[in-house]
Amino acid sequence: MLLQEERVVLHIPAKIVTEPIIYRLVKDFDVAVNVLKVEVVENDEGLMVLGIQGTSSALTAAKKYLTERGVRLEALKRDVHLREDRCTHCGACIGQCPSGALTMTVEYEVKLDPKKCIACGHCAIACTYDAVDVKFGG
């Protein structure tokens, strides 16, 4: 049984934002879920960025369930980049990066490894120079 992994952005309609969506994915569809980012407020549209893992058929069934509930799904496009015109290479962002995607070179330059980045946005919050752009979408 070959497992597949995807990263997806869920746009959750306000009317179902309090429903146990993650619970259903795990229990009903045998999909492992890694929550990467959540912006959910009752009575407002929610945004969730998830890593999901399961068999091809399980992922297909889980995504069908979500779309039937009115959730708009997009493949995660991690549009995260450092703006060299603003970055002072102070390293404030590095300590906030939970995935180790941001590092300091021996030349004291901040570098981003997009393969490690989970687009959590902690680096953007830490940067006082507005040198990190983080956008989610498909």
Protein backbone atom coordinates (compact mmCIF):
# COMPACT_ATOMS: atom_id res chain seq x y z
CA MET A 1 0.00 0.00 0.00
CA LEU A 2 1.77 3.12 -1.29
CA LEU A 3 1.16 6.30 0.68
CA GLN A 4 1.05 9.68 -0.98
CA GLU A 5 1.57 13.06 0.61
CA GLU A 6 0.14 16.42 -0.42
CA ARG A 7 0.05 19.91 0.99
CA VAL A 8 -3.24 21.68 0.50
CA VAL A 9 -4.93 24.97 1.34
CA LEU A 10 -8.54 24.69 2.52
CA HIS A 11 -10.88 27.67 2.25
CA ILE A 12 -13.67 26.75 4.65
CA PRO A 13 -17.08 28.42 4.35
CA ALA A 14 -18.25 30.28 7.46
CA LYS A 15 -21.30 28.04 7.82
CA ILE A 16 -19.17 24.93 8.47
CA VAL A 17 -16.11 26.46 10.14
CA THR A 18 -17.02 24.91 13.52
CA GLU A 19 -17.51 21.39 12.13
CA PRO A 20 -14.94 18.67 12.98
CA ILE A 21 -13.36 18.52 9.52
CA ILE A 22 -9.96 17.22 10.64
CA TYR A 23 -11.60 14.55 12.77
CA ARG A 24 -13.59 13.34 9.75
CA LEU A 25 -10.49 13.18 7.54
CA VAL A 26 -8.70 11.02 10.08
CA LYS A 27 -11.57 8.83 11.26
CA ASP A 28 -13.68 8.38 8.12
CA PHE A 29 -10.99 8.44 5.42
CA ASP A 30 -7.86 7.14 7.21
CA VAL A 31 -5.90 10.24 6.21
CA ALA A 32 -3.01 11.44 8.38
CA VAL A 33 -3.15 15.20 8.87
CA ASN A 34 -0.40 17.65 9.76
CA VAL A 35 -1.81 21.12 10.47
CA LEU A 36 0.67 23.70 9.16
CA LYS A 37 -1.37 26.88 9.52
CA VAL A 38 -4.86 27.78 10.70
CA GLU A 39 -6.86 30.98 10.57
CA VAL A 40 -10.35 30.09 11.77
CA VAL A 41 -12.85 32.41 13.43
CA GLU A 42 -16.44 31.43 14.15
CA ASN A 43 -18.91 32.98 11.66
CA ASP A 44 -16.12 33.87 9.21
CA GLU A 45 -14.41 31.98 6.36
CA GLY A 46 -11.54 29.85 7.58
CA LEU A 47 -8.17 29.03 6.07
CA MET A 48 -6.22 25.87 6.85
CA VAL A 49 -2.95 24.71 5.40
CA LEU A 50 -2.55 20.96 5.80
CA GLY A 51 -0.12 18.23 4.98
CA ILE A 52 -2.23 15.15 4.25
CA GLN A 53 -1.03 11.60 3.78
CA GLY A 54 -2.83 8.44 2.75
CA THR A 55 -3.42 6.05 -0.09
CA SER A 56 -4.43 7.54 -3.42
CA SER A 57 -8.01 6.36 -2.99
CA ALA A 58 -8.20 7.71 0.59
CA LEU A 59 -6.93 11.13 -0.48
CA THR A 60 -9.36 11.23 -3.39
CA ALA A 61 -12.30 10.30 -1.14
CA ALA A 62 -11.25 12.83 1.52
CA LYS A 63 -10.96 15.65 -1.03
CA LYS A 64 -14.34 14.71 -2.48
CA TYR A 65 -15.87 14.91 1.02
CA LEU A 66 -14.36 18.36 1.54
CA THR A 67 -15.57 19.75 -1.77
CA GLU A 68 -19.05 18.34 -1.16
CA ARG A 69 -19.09 20.27 2.14
CA GLY A 70 -18.30 23.46 0.22
CA VAL A 71 -14.60 23.62 1.04
CA ARG A 72 -12.47 25.05 -1.74
CA LEU A 73 -9.17 23.15 -2.05
CA GLU A 74 -5.95 24.30 -3.63
CA ALA A 75 -2.57 22.70 -3.81
CA LEU A 76 -0.25 24.61 -1.51
CA LYS A 77 1.80 27.07 -3.42
CA ARG A 78 4.42 28.27 -1.02
CA ASP A 79 5.23 31.63 -2.34
CA VAL A 80 7.79 32.59 0.29
CA HIS A 81 10.76 34.64 -0.61
CA LEU A 82 13.29 36.99 0.90
CA ARG A 83 13.35 40.48 -0.52
CA GLU A 84 17.05 41.15 -0.97
CA ASP A 85 16.37 44.86 -1.37
CA ARG A 86 15.08 44.97 2.24
CA CYS A 87 16.91 42.16 4.04
CA THR A 88 19.73 43.31 6.34
CA HIS A 89 20.68 39.66 7.10
CA CYS A 90 20.20 40.31 10.83
CA GLY A 91 18.96 36.73 11.37
CA ALA A 92 15.89 37.61 13.45
CA CYS A 93 13.80 35.34 11.23
CA ILE A 94 16.05 32.31 11.67
CA GLY A 95 15.20 31.74 15.33
CA GLN A 96 11.48 31.79 14.53
CA CYS A 97 11.64 29.19 11.75
CA PRO A 98 10.33 25.86 13.10
CA SER A 99 11.34 23.85 10.03
CA GLY A 100 14.95 25.01 9.69
CA ALA A 101 14.27 26.47 6.24
CA LEU A 102 16.08 29.69 7.11
CA THR A 103 19.81 29.53 7.79
CA MET A 104 22.79 31.84 8.03
CA THR A 105 25.71 31.23 5.70
CA VAL A 106 29.36 31.60 6.71
CA GLU A 107 29.24 34.93 4.84
CA TYR A 108 26.48 36.04 7.27
CA GLU A 109 23.71 35.97 4.68
CA VAL A 110 20.22 34.65 5.41
CA LYS A 111 19.18 31.89 2.99
CA LEU A 112 15.83 30.17 2.48
CA ASP A 113 15.51 26.48 1.55
CA PRO A 114 12.05 26.27 -0.11
CA LYS A 115 11.99 22.47 0.23
CA LYS A 116 12.02 22.76 4.04
CA CYS A 117 9.69 25.75 4.25
CA ILE A 118 6.18 25.10 5.58
CA ALA A 119 5.05 28.68 4.89
CA CYS A 120 4.02 29.23 8.52
CA GLY A 121 4.73 32.96 8.38
CA HIS A 122 6.70 33.18 11.63
CA CYS A 123 9.67 34.63 9.75
CA ALA A 124 7.57 37.44 8.30
CA ILE A 125 6.30 38.38 11.76
CA ALA A 126 9.85 38.44 13.15
CA CYS A 127 11.24 40.59 10.34
CA THR A 128 11.13 44.27 11.24
CA TYR A 129 12.29 45.21 7.73
CA ASP A 130 9.32 43.60 5.91
CA ALA A 131 11.81 41.55 3.91
CA VAL A 132 9.84 38.28 3.88
CA ASP A 133 6.78 37.76 1.68
CA VAL A 134 4.51 34.80 2.47
CA LYS A 135 1.51 34.03 0.32
CA PHE A 136 -0.77 31.01 0.27
CA GLY A 137 -2.73 29.87 -2.71
CA GLY A 138 -2.99 27.43 -5.50
